[in-house]
Amino acid sequence: MKYIILIFICFFNFSFASNIIQNDDAKTAFVYLNKIRQNPDSYSKEIGVDLSDVSPTHQLRWNDTLALVAEERAQDMADRNYCAHVDPEGYGVNYKINKAGYKLNKLFLEDKSSNFFESIGCGHENGIELIKELIIDRNTPDLGHRNHLLGIGEWDKNLYEIGIGFVKAKNTEYISYASIIIAKHDF
């Protein structure tokens, strides 16, 4: 009996703790973003922004730790009705992913509010609309979300792992809250 329980626990941990994508919106956003990264220019018309000067780049790999942090970030924004890279206590995503076990260089943790790895969106119908709007990146002069998602520039090009949290909400300012974390352990 003891061995059967042990086998069940091992099977459960192996089967369900790996490559978990929390919901359909997160999964759809992940798949859609990787398709765009393969051939950005072919999505210019669909997205409504010229991506002809964006080079194709590597596919992102799903990371369960980043996904859980992203889901917690999205849920926290929904629960407390805010849309910001820093939570009300002043903590940014660098601190949160490191605390969750995704170890970062100490330099990235010197300021508890630091964010080198997250794009957020609030008020999107679904995961595809989230990705489109972040790539359009209205009202963000440096196009930081577009660069982050599409791997544009030396920093963002070196990020390989992703986790996405997408939470629908009721009785809040926005209909949804999302966090997209794209990072890399070793720098």
N, C-alpha and C. Protein backbone atom coordinates (compact mmCIF):
# COMPACT_ATOMS: atom_id res chain seq x y z
N MET A 1 0.83 -1.20 0.00
CA MET A 1 0.00 0.00 0.00
C MET A 1 0.87 1.26 0.00
N LYS A 2 1.95 1.24 0.82
CA LYS A 2 2.84 2.38 0.91
C LYS A 2 3.46 2.67 -0.46
N TYR A 3 3.81 1.61 -1.21
CA TYR A 3 4.44 1.78 -2.51
C TYR A 3 3.46 2.32 -3.55
N ILE A 4 2.22 1.92 -3.44
CA ILE A 4 1.20 2.41 -4.37
C ILE A 4 0.99 3.91 -4.16
N ILE A 5 0.95 4.34 -2.93
CA ILE A 5 0.79 5.77 -2.64
C ILE A 5 2.00 6.54 -3.15
N LEU A 6 3.19 6.03 -2.95
CA LEU A 6 4.41 6.67 -3.42
C LEU A 6 4.41 6.78 -4.94
N ILE A 7 4.03 5.71 -5.61
CA ILE A 7 3.96 5.73 -7.08
C ILE A 7 2.93 6.77 -7.53
N PHE A 8 1.78 6.82 -6.87
CA PHE A 8 0.76 7.80 -7.22
C PHE A 8 1.28 9.22 -7.04
N ILE A 9 1.96 9.50 -5.94
CA ILE A 9 2.50 10.83 -5.68
C ILE A 9 3.53 11.19 -6.75
N CYS A 10 4.43 10.28 -7.06
CA CYS A 10 5.44 10.54 -8.10
C CYS A 10 4.77 10.79 -9.44
N PHE A 11 3.77 9.98 -9.79
CA PHE A 11 3.07 10.17 -11.05
C PHE A 11 2.37 11.51 -11.07
N PHE A 12 1.69 11.86 -9.98
CA PHE A 12 0.97 13.13 -9.91
C PHE A 12 1.93 14.30 -10.08
N ASN A 13 3.04 14.28 -9.35
CA ASN A 13 4.01 15.37 -9.45
C ASN A 13 4.61 15.47 -10.84
N PHE A 14 4.95 14.34 -11.43
CA PHE A 14 5.57 14.35 -12.75
C PHE A 14 4.56 14.78 -13.83
N SER A 15 3.37 14.27 -13.75
CA SER A 15 2.39 14.54 -14.79
C SER A 15 1.82 15.94 -14.76
N PHE A 16 1.60 16.46 -13.58
CA PHE A 16 0.86 17.71 -13.49
C PHE A 16 1.70 18.93 -13.14
N ALA A 17 2.91 18.74 -12.68
CA ALA A 17 3.72 19.89 -12.28
C ALA A 17 4.60 20.40 -13.40
N SER A 18 4.57 19.75 -14.52
CA SER A 18 5.46 20.14 -15.61
C SER A 18 4.67 20.70 -16.78
N ASN A 19 5.12 21.82 -17.31
CA ASN A 19 4.52 22.45 -18.49
C ASN A 19 3.04 22.75 -18.32
N ILE A 20 2.66 23.24 -17.19
CA ILE A 20 1.27 23.59 -16.91
C ILE A 20 1.01 24.99 -17.44
N ILE A 21 -0.01 25.13 -18.25
CA ILE A 21 -0.45 26.45 -18.67
C ILE A 21 -1.81 26.64 -18.02
N GLN A 22 -1.92 27.68 -17.18
CA GLN A 22 -3.05 27.82 -16.28
C GLN A 22 -4.42 27.87 -16.97
N ASN A 23 -4.54 28.59 -18.08
CA ASN A 23 -5.86 28.70 -18.70
C ASN A 23 -5.74 28.90 -20.20
N ASP A 24 -6.87 28.85 -20.89
CA ASP A 24 -6.86 28.94 -22.34
C ASP A 24 -6.32 30.27 -22.85
N ASP A 25 -6.61 31.37 -22.16
CA ASP A 25 -6.10 32.67 -22.61
C ASP A 25 -4.59 32.73 -22.52
N ALA A 26 -4.01 32.19 -21.46
CA ALA A 26 -2.55 32.16 -21.33
C ALA A 26 -1.95 31.26 -22.41
N LYS A 27 -2.55 30.11 -22.63
CA LYS A 27 -2.06 29.17 -23.65
C LYS A 27 -2.15 29.80 -25.04
N THR A 28 -3.27 30.42 -25.35
CA THR A 28 -3.45 31.05 -26.65
C THR A 28 -2.44 32.17 -26.86
N ALA A 29 -2.21 32.98 -25.83
CA ALA A 29 -1.24 34.07 -25.92
C ALA A 29 0.16 33.52 -26.17
N PHE A 30 0.52 32.45 -25.48
CA PHE A 30 1.83 31.82 -25.63
C PHE A 30 2.05 31.32 -27.06
N VAL A 31 1.10 30.58 -27.57
CA VAL A 31 1.20 30.03 -28.93
C VAL A 31 1.23 31.15 -29.96
N TYR A 32 0.36 32.12 -29.82
CA TYR A 32 0.28 33.24 -30.74
C TYR A 32 1.58 34.05 -30.76
N LEU A 33 2.13 34.35 -29.60
CA LEU A 33 3.37 35.11 -29.53
C LEU A 33 4.51 34.35 -30.21
N ASN A 34 4.62 33.06 -29.99
CA ASN A 34 5.68 32.29 -30.63
C ASN A 34 5.52 32.27 -32.15
N LYS A 35 4.29 32.25 -32.64
CA LYS A 35 4.07 32.32 -34.09
C LYS A 35 4.53 33.66 -34.64
N ILE A 36 4.21 34.73 -33.96
CA ILE A 36 4.63 36.06 -34.41
C ILE A 36 6.15 36.16 -34.40
N ARG A 37 6.78 35.63 -33.38
CA ARG A 37 8.25 35.69 -33.28
C ARG A 37 8.92 34.97 -34.45
N GLN A 38 8.28 33.96 -35.03
CA GLN A 38 8.84 33.22 -36.17
C GLN A 38 8.88 34.07 -37.44
N ASN A 39 7.86 34.90 -37.63
CA ASN A 39 7.77 35.71 -38.85
C ASN A 39 6.97 36.99 -38.56
N PRO A 40 7.58 37.94 -37.86
CA PRO A 40 6.85 39.14 -37.43
C PRO A 40 6.19 39.91 -38.56
N ASP A 41 6.87 40.08 -39.67
CA ASP A 41 6.32 40.88 -40.77
C ASP A 41 4.99 40.32 -41.28
N SER A 42 4.83 39.00 -41.27
CA SER A 42 3.59 38.41 -41.78
C SER A 42 2.38 38.74 -40.90
N TYR A 43 2.62 39.28 -39.69
CA TYR A 43 1.53 39.66 -38.79
C TYR A 43 1.27 41.16 -38.76
N SER A 44 2.01 41.92 -39.56
CA SER A 44 1.87 43.38 -39.56
C SER A 44 0.43 43.82 -39.80
N LYS A 45 -0.18 43.29 -40.82
CA LYS A 45 -1.55 43.70 -41.17
C LYS A 45 -2.54 43.27 -40.08
N GLU A 46 -2.42 42.05 -39.63
CA GLU A 46 -3.33 41.52 -38.60
C GLU A 46 -3.25 42.34 -37.30
N ILE A 47 -2.04 42.71 -36.91
CA ILE A 47 -1.85 43.45 -35.66
C ILE A 47 -2.12 44.94 -35.86
N GLY A 48 -1.82 45.44 -37.06
CA GLY A 48 -2.06 46.86 -37.33
C GLY A 48 -0.86 47.74 -37.07
N VAL A 49 0.33 47.16 -37.15
CA VAL A 49 1.56 47.92 -36.97
C VAL A 49 2.63 47.30 -37.87
N ASP A 50 3.49 48.14 -38.43
CA ASP A 50 4.53 47.67 -39.34
C ASP A 50 5.63 46.95 -38.57
N LEU A 51 5.77 45.66 -38.83
CA LEU A 51 6.81 44.85 -38.18
C LEU A 51 7.84 44.38 -39.19
N SER A 52 7.90 45.04 -40.36
CA SER A 52 8.81 44.60 -41.42
C SER A 52 10.28 44.71 -41.03
N ASP A 53 10.60 45.56 -40.09
CA ASP A 53 12.00 45.71 -39.66
C ASP A 53 12.35 44.84 -38.45
N VAL A 54 11.41 43.99 -38.01
CA VAL A 54 11.65 43.12 -36.86
C VAL A 54 12.10 41.75 -37.37
N SER A 55 13.26 41.33 -36.92
CA SER A 55 13.81 40.03 -37.34
C SER A 55 13.14 38.89 -36.60
N PRO A 56 12.97 37.77 -37.29
CA PRO A 56 12.48 36.57 -36.59
C PRO A 56 13.46 36.19 -35.48
N THR A 57 12.94 35.57 -34.44
CA THR A 57 13.81 35.16 -33.33
C THR A 57 13.36 33.81 -32.78
N HIS A 58 14.13 33.28 -31.86
CA HIS A 58 13.90 31.96 -31.28
C HIS A 58 12.53 31.86 -30.59
N GLN A 59 12.06 30.63 -30.49
CA GLN A 59 10.83 30.35 -29.78
C GLN A 59 11.09 30.43 -28.27
N LEU A 60 10.08 30.86 -27.55
CA LEU A 60 10.15 30.91 -26.09
C LEU A 60 9.72 29.57 -25.51
N ARG A 61 10.35 29.17 -24.43
CA ARG A 61 10.01 27.93 -23.73
C ARG A 61 9.17 28.26 -22.50
N TRP A 62 8.12 27.50 -22.30
CA TRP A 62 7.26 27.69 -21.13
C TRP A 62 8.03 27.32 -19.87
N ASN A 63 7.90 28.12 -18.83
CA ASN A 63 8.53 27.86 -17.55
C ASN A 63 7.46 27.93 -16.47
N ASP A 64 7.29 26.84 -15.75
CA ASP A 64 6.22 26.75 -14.74
C ASP A 64 6.39 27.76 -13.61
N THR A 65 7.60 28.02 -13.18
CA THR A 65 7.82 28.98 -12.10
C THR A 65 7.42 30.38 -12.55
N LEU A 66 7.86 30.77 -13.74
CA LEU A 66 7.47 32.08 -14.27
C LEU A 66 5.97 32.17 -14.45
N ALA A 67 5.36 31.07 -14.89
CA ALA A 67 3.91 31.05 -15.10
C ALA A 67 3.15 31.23 -13.79
N LEU A 68 3.61 30.56 -12.74
CA LEU A 68 2.93 30.70 -11.46
C LEU A 68 3.05 32.12 -10.91
N VAL A 69 4.23 32.72 -11.07
CA VAL A 69 4.40 34.11 -10.62
C VAL A 69 3.52 35.03 -11.46
N ALA A 70 3.48 34.82 -12.76
CA ALA A 70 2.65 35.65 -13.64
C ALA A 70 1.17 35.52 -13.27
N GLU A 71 0.73 34.31 -12.99
CA GLU A 71 -0.66 34.09 -12.59
C GLU A 71 -0.95 34.79 -11.25
N GLU A 72 -0.02 34.67 -10.31
CA GLU A 72 -0.19 35.35 -9.02
C GLU A 72 -0.22 36.87 -9.20
N ARG A 73 0.64 37.38 -10.08
CA ARG A 73 0.67 38.83 -10.35
C ARG A 73 -0.66 39.28 -10.94
N ALA A 74 -1.16 38.56 -11.93
CA ALA A 74 -2.43 38.92 -12.57
C ALA A 74 -3.57 38.85 -11.56
N GLN A 75 -3.59 37.80 -10.75
CA GLN A 75 -4.65 37.64 -9.75
C GLN A 75 -4.58 38.74 -8.70
N ASP A 76 -3.37 39.10 -8.28
CA ASP A 76 -3.22 40.17 -7.30
C ASP A 76 -3.73 41.50 -7.85
N MET A 77 -3.40 41.80 -9.11
CA MET A 77 -3.90 43.04 -9.72
C MET A 77 -5.42 43.03 -9.77
N ALA A 78 -6.01 41.88 -10.12
CA ALA A 78 -7.47 41.78 -10.17
C ALA A 78 -8.08 41.92 -8.78
N ASP A 79 -7.51 41.20 -7.81
CA ASP A 79 -8.06 41.22 -6.45
C ASP A 79 -8.00 42.61 -5.82
N ARG A 80 -6.93 43.34 -6.13
CA ARG A 80 -6.75 44.65 -5.50
C ARG A 80 -6.99 45.80 -6.46
N ASN A 81 -7.47 45.47 -7.67
CA ASN A 81 -7.92 46.45 -8.66
C ASN A 81 -6.87 47.53 -8.96
N TYR A 82 -5.71 47.07 -9.38
CA TYR A 82 -4.67 47.99 -9.85
C TYR A 82 -4.02 47.39 -11.09
N CYS A 83 -3.37 48.21 -11.88
CA CYS A 83 -2.67 47.75 -13.08
C CYS A 83 -1.32 48.44 -13.10
N ALA A 84 -0.30 47.75 -12.58
CA ALA A 84 1.02 48.36 -12.47
C ALA A 84 2.09 47.27 -12.35
N HIS A 85 3.31 47.62 -12.74
CA HIS A 85 4.43 46.69 -12.62
C HIS A 85 4.89 46.49 -11.18
N VAL A 86 4.52 47.39 -10.32
CA VAL A 86 4.92 47.32 -8.91
C VAL A 86 3.65 47.17 -8.08
N ASP A 87 3.67 46.22 -7.14
CA ASP A 87 2.47 46.02 -6.32
C ASP A 87 2.36 47.14 -5.28
N PRO A 88 1.22 47.24 -4.60
CA PRO A 88 1.03 48.32 -3.63
C PRO A 88 2.08 48.37 -2.50
N GLU A 89 2.76 47.26 -2.25
CA GLU A 89 3.81 47.25 -1.22
C GLU A 89 5.17 47.65 -1.79
N GLY A 90 5.22 47.91 -3.09
CA GLY A 90 6.47 48.37 -3.71
C GLY A 90 7.35 47.29 -4.30
N TYR A 91 6.84 46.06 -4.45
CA TYR A 91 7.64 44.97 -5.00
C TYR A 91 7.39 44.80 -6.50
N GLY A 92 8.48 44.65 -7.24
CA GLY A 92 8.43 44.39 -8.67
C GLY A 92 8.63 42.92 -8.97
N VAL A 93 8.57 42.59 -10.24
CA VAL A 93 8.61 41.19 -10.65
C VAL A 93 9.98 40.54 -10.41
N ASN A 94 11.08 41.29 -10.47
CA ASN A 94 12.38 40.68 -10.20
C ASN A 94 12.38 40.02 -8.83
N TYR A 95 11.92 40.75 -7.84
CA TYR A 95 11.86 40.23 -6.47
C TYR A 95 10.96 38.99 -6.42
N LYS A 96 9.81 39.05 -7.08
CA LYS A 96 8.83 37.98 -6.99
C LYS A 96 9.31 36.69 -7.66
N ILE A 97 9.94 36.80 -8.85
CA ILE A 97 10.39 35.56 -9.50
C ILE A 97 11.59 34.96 -8.76
N ASN A 98 12.45 35.80 -8.21
CA ASN A 98 13.58 35.29 -7.43
C ASN A 98 13.07 34.58 -6.17
N LYS A 99 12.11 35.17 -5.51
CA LYS A 99 11.53 34.56 -4.29
C LYS A 99 10.86 33.22 -4.61
N ALA A 100 10.33 33.08 -5.81
CA ALA A 100 9.65 31.84 -6.21
C ALA A 100 10.63 30.73 -6.60
N GLY A 101 11.93 31.06 -6.63
CA GLY A 101 12.91 30.03 -6.95
C GLY A 101 13.58 30.18 -8.30
N TYR A 102 13.20 31.17 -9.07
CA TYR A 102 13.85 31.45 -10.35
C TYR A 102 14.98 32.43 -10.04
N LYS A 103 16.14 31.89 -9.74
CA LYS A 103 17.25 32.68 -9.21
C LYS A 103 17.81 33.67 -10.22
N LEU A 104 17.99 34.89 -9.74
CA LEU A 104 18.51 35.99 -10.55
C LEU A 104 19.83 36.50 -9.98
N ASN A 105 20.56 37.18 -10.81
CA ASN A 105 21.78 37.86 -10.41
C ASN A 105 21.43 38.86 -9.30
N LYS A 106 22.27 38.97 -8.30
CA LYS A 106 22.01 39.87 -7.16
C LYS A 106 21.82 41.31 -7.60
N LEU A 107 22.48 41.69 -8.69
CA LEU A 107 22.35 43.07 -9.18
C LEU A 107 20.90 43.39 -9.56
N PHE A 108 20.16 42.38 -10.00
CA PHE A 108 18.77 42.59 -10.41
C PHE A 108 17.82 42.75 -9.22
N LEU A 109 18.35 42.55 -8.02
CA LEU A 109 17.52 42.56 -6.82
C LEU A 109 17.84 43.73 -5.89
N GLU A 110 18.73 44.59 -6.30
CA GLU A 110 19.13 45.70 -5.44
C GLU A 110 17.98 46.64 -5.11
N ASP A 111 17.07 46.84 -6.04
CA ASP A 111 15.89 47.67 -5.81
C ASP A 111 14.67 46.75 -5.83
N LYS A 112 13.95 46.69 -4.73
CA LYS A 112 12.82 45.76 -4.62
C LYS A 112 11.73 46.01 -5.66
N SER A 113 11.71 47.18 -6.27
CA SER A 113 10.67 47.48 -7.27
C SER A 113 11.11 47.19 -8.70
N SER A 114 12.30 46.63 -8.89
CA SER A 114 12.83 46.42 -10.24
C SER A 114 11.99 45.48 -11.08
N ASN A 115 11.92 45.81 -12.36
CA ASN A 115 11.24 44.98 -13.35
C ASN A 115 12.09 44.97 -14.62
N PHE A 116 12.77 43.86 -14.85
CA PHE A 116 13.52 43.71 -16.10
C PHE A 116 12.87 42.68 -17.01
N PHE A 117 11.77 42.04 -16.56
CA PHE A 117 11.29 40.85 -17.24
C PHE A 117 9.78 40.80 -17.50
N GLU A 118 9.01 41.81 -17.15
CA GLU A 118 7.55 41.69 -17.22
C GLU A 118 6.92 42.73 -18.12
N SER A 119 5.94 42.28 -18.89
CA SER A 119 5.00 43.16 -19.59
C SER A 119 3.64 42.87 -18.99
N ILE A 120 2.85 43.91 -18.76
CA ILE A 120 1.51 43.70 -18.21
C ILE A 120 0.48 44.33 -19.14
N GLY A 121 -0.73 43.83 -19.03
CA GLY A 121 -1.85 44.39 -19.77
C GLY A 121 -3.12 44.24 -18.97
N CYS A 122 -4.00 45.22 -19.08
CA CYS A 122 -5.28 45.18 -18.36
C CYS A 122 -6.39 45.59 -19.31
N GLY A 123 -7.50 44.86 -19.25
CA GLY A 123 -8.67 45.23 -20.04
C GLY A 123 -8.80 44.56 -21.39
N HIS A 124 -8.17 43.41 -21.59
CA HIS A 124 -8.23 42.72 -22.88
C HIS A 124 -9.23 41.57 -22.85
N GLU A 125 -9.91 41.39 -23.96
CA GLU A 125 -10.92 40.33 -24.06
C GLU A 125 -10.32 38.93 -23.93
N ASN A 126 -9.12 38.74 -24.50
CA ASN A 126 -8.52 37.41 -24.53
C ASN A 126 -7.01 37.52 -24.74
N GLY A 127 -6.34 36.39 -24.77
CA GLY A 127 -4.89 36.35 -24.89
C GLY A 127 -4.36 36.91 -26.19
N ILE A 128 -5.07 36.71 -27.28
CA ILE A 128 -4.62 37.23 -28.57
C ILE A 128 -4.69 38.76 -28.58
N GLU A 129 -5.78 39.31 -28.08
CA GLU A 129 -5.89 40.78 -28.01
C GLU A 129 -4.82 41.38 -27.10
N LEU A 130 -4.49 40.68 -26.02
CA LEU A 130 -3.43 41.11 -25.12
C LEU A 130 -2.11 41.23 -25.89
N ILE A 131 -1.74 40.18 -26.60
CA ILE A 131 -0.47 40.18 -27.34
C ILE A 131 -0.48 41.28 -28.40
N LYS A 132 -1.55 41.40 -29.15
CA LYS A 132 -1.63 42.45 -30.18
C LYS A 132 -1.42 43.84 -29.58
N GLU A 133 -2.14 44.14 -28.50
CA GLU A 133 -2.05 45.48 -27.90
C GLU A 133 -0.66 45.76 -27.32
N LEU A 134 -0.04 44.75 -26.74
CA LEU A 134 1.31 44.97 -26.21
C LEU A 134 2.33 45.15 -27.32
N ILE A 135 2.12 44.52 -28.46
CA ILE A 135 3.03 44.72 -29.59
C ILE A 135 2.79 46.10 -30.22
N ILE A 136 1.56 46.52 -30.32
CA ILE A 136 1.28 47.88 -30.82
C ILE A 136 1.93 48.89 -29.87
N ASP A 137 1.78 48.68 -28.58
CA ASP A 137 2.45 49.45 -27.53
C ASP A 137 2.13 50.94 -27.58
N ARG A 138 0.85 51.26 -27.75
CA ARG A 138 0.42 52.66 -27.70
C ARG A 138 0.82 53.29 -26.37
N ASN A 139 1.13 54.53 -26.41
CA ASN A 139 1.45 55.32 -25.21
C ASN A 139 2.70 54.83 -24.46
N THR A 140 3.52 54.03 -25.12
CA THR A 140 4.80 53.63 -24.54
C THR A 140 5.88 54.07 -25.52
N PRO A 141 6.44 55.24 -25.33
CA PRO A 141 7.36 55.83 -26.31
C PRO A 141 8.54 54.94 -26.70
N ASP A 142 9.10 54.19 -25.75
CA ASP A 142 10.27 53.37 -26.08
C ASP A 142 9.91 51.99 -26.63
N LEU A 143 8.61 51.73 -26.80
CA LEU A 143 8.12 50.43 -27.30
C LEU A 143 8.68 49.26 -26.48
N GLY A 144 8.77 49.46 -25.18
CA GLY A 144 9.34 48.45 -24.29
C GLY A 144 8.62 47.12 -24.31
N HIS A 145 7.29 47.14 -24.39
CA HIS A 145 6.54 45.87 -24.43
C HIS A 145 6.81 45.15 -25.75
N ARG A 146 6.79 45.87 -26.86
CA ARG A 146 7.06 45.26 -28.17
C ARG A 146 8.46 44.63 -28.17
N ASN A 147 9.45 45.39 -27.69
CA ASN A 147 10.82 44.88 -27.66
C ASN A 147 10.91 43.62 -26.80
N HIS A 148 10.26 43.66 -25.65
CA HIS A 148 10.27 42.53 -24.71
C HIS A 148 9.65 41.29 -25.35
N LEU A 149 8.45 41.44 -25.91
CA LEU A 149 7.74 40.28 -26.45
C LEU A 149 8.38 39.71 -27.71
N LEU A 150 8.92 40.58 -28.55
CA LEU A 150 9.46 40.12 -29.83
C LEU A 150 10.97 39.90 -29.80
N GLY A 151 11.61 40.09 -28.66
CA GLY A 151 13.04 39.84 -28.56
C GLY A 151 13.87 40.83 -29.36
N ILE A 152 13.47 42.10 -29.33
CA ILE A 152 14.18 43.14 -30.08
C ILE A 152 15.22 43.77 -29.15
N GLY A 153 16.44 43.89 -29.64
CA GLY A 153 17.51 44.47 -28.84
C GLY A 153 18.29 43.40 -28.12
N GLU A 154 19.52 43.73 -27.74
CA GLU A 154 20.42 42.75 -27.12
C GLU A 154 19.87 42.14 -25.84
N TRP A 155 19.28 42.95 -24.97
CA TRP A 155 18.76 42.43 -23.71
C TRP A 155 17.63 41.43 -23.96
N ASP A 156 16.59 41.88 -24.66
CA ASP A 156 15.40 41.04 -24.85
C ASP A 156 15.65 39.83 -25.73
N LYS A 157 16.60 39.93 -26.64
CA LYS A 157 16.93 38.80 -27.52
C LYS A 157 17.50 37.63 -26.72
N ASN A 158 18.09 37.90 -25.57
CA ASN A 158 18.72 36.85 -24.76
C ASN A 158 17.78 36.19 -23.77
N LEU A 159 16.51 36.56 -23.75
CA LEU A 159 15.55 35.96 -22.83
C LEU A 159 14.87 34.78 -23.52
N TYR A 160 14.78 33.63 -22.84
CA TYR A 160 14.31 32.41 -23.49
C TYR A 160 13.09 31.75 -22.86
N GLU A 161 12.79 32.07 -21.61
CA GLU A 161 11.71 31.37 -20.92
C GLU A 161 10.56 32.32 -20.63
N ILE A 162 9.35 31.76 -20.65
CA ILE A 162 8.15 32.60 -20.51
C ILE A 162 7.14 31.95 -19.57
N GLY A 163 6.39 32.80 -18.92
CA GLY A 163 5.22 32.41 -18.15
C GLY A 163 4.17 33.50 -18.32
N ILE A 164 2.93 33.12 -18.47
CA ILE A 164 1.86 34.09 -18.69
C ILE A 164 0.74 33.82 -17.68
N GLY A 165 0.26 34.88 -17.07
CA GLY A 165 -0.92 34.81 -16.22
C GLY A 165 -2.00 35.70 -16.82
N PHE A 166 -3.21 35.21 -16.95
CA PHE A 166 -4.32 35.97 -17.52
C PHE A 166 -5.55 35.68 -16.67
N VAL A 167 -6.08 36.72 -16.03
CA VAL A 167 -7.20 36.56 -15.11
C VAL A 167 -8.34 37.46 -15.55
N LYS A 168 -9.51 36.88 -15.70
CA LYS A 168 -10.71 37.67 -15.98
C LYS A 168 -11.29 38.11 -14.63
N ALA A 169 -11.86 39.30 -14.62
CA ALA A 169 -12.32 39.87 -13.35
C ALA A 169 -13.71 40.48 -13.49
N LYS A 170 -14.39 40.54 -12.37
CA LYS A 170 -15.70 41.19 -12.30
C LYS A 170 -15.63 42.27 -11.24
N ASN A 171 -16.42 43.30 -11.43
CA ASN A 171 -16.51 44.39 -10.45
C ASN A 171 -15.16 45.05 -10.17
N THR A 172 -14.36 45.18 -11.23
CA THR A 172 -13.07 45.88 -11.13
C THR A 172 -13.01 46.88 -12.28
N GLU A 173 -11.95 47.68 -12.27
CA GLU A 173 -11.79 48.68 -13.32
C GLU A 173 -11.63 48.05 -14.70
N TYR A 174 -10.98 46.91 -14.77
CA TYR A 174 -10.71 46.24 -16.06
C TYR A 174 -11.39 44.88 -16.10
N ILE A 175 -11.63 44.39 -17.31
CA ILE A 175 -12.25 43.07 -17.45
C ILE A 175 -11.23 41.94 -17.30
N SER A 176 -9.94 42.28 -17.45
CA SER A 176 -8.90 41.27 -17.30
C SER A 176 -7.60 41.92 -16.85
N TYR A 177 -6.75 41.08 -16.28
CA TYR A 177 -5.43 41.50 -15.81
C TYR A 177 -4.44 40.43 -16.26
N ALA A 178 -3.32 40.86 -16.84
CA ALA A 178 -2.37 39.88 -17.37
C ALA A 178 -0.93 40.28 -17.07
N SER A 179 -0.11 39.28 -16.87
CA SER A 179 1.32 39.45 -16.67
C SER A 179 2.02 38.47 -17.60
N ILE A 180 2.98 38.98 -18.36
CA ILE A 180 3.81 38.14 -19.23
C ILE A 180 5.24 38.33 -18.75
N ILE A 181 5.83 37.24 -18.27
CA ILE A 181 7.19 37.29 -17.78
C ILE A 181 8.08 36.50 -18.74
N ILE A 182 9.06 37.16 -19.32
CA ILE A 182 10.03 36.52 -20.20
C ILE A 182 11.40 36.79 -19.58
N ALA A 183 12.12 35.72 -19.26
CA ALA A 183 13.35 35.89 -18.50
C ALA A 183 14.39 34.84 -18.89
N LYS A 184 15.52 34.91 -18.20
CA LYS A 184 16.61 33.96 -18.36
C LYS A 184 17.38 33.94 -17.04
N HIS A 185 17.74 32.74 -16.59
CA HIS A 185 18.47 32.61 -15.33
C HIS A 185 19.86 33.23 -15.38
N ASP A 186 20.65 32.81 -16.31
CA ASP A 186 22.08 33.11 -16.28
C ASP A 186 22.43 34.32 -17.14
N PHE A 187 23.02 35.30 -16.51
CA PHE A 187 23.50 36.48 -17.24
C PHE A 187 24.96 36.67 -16.93
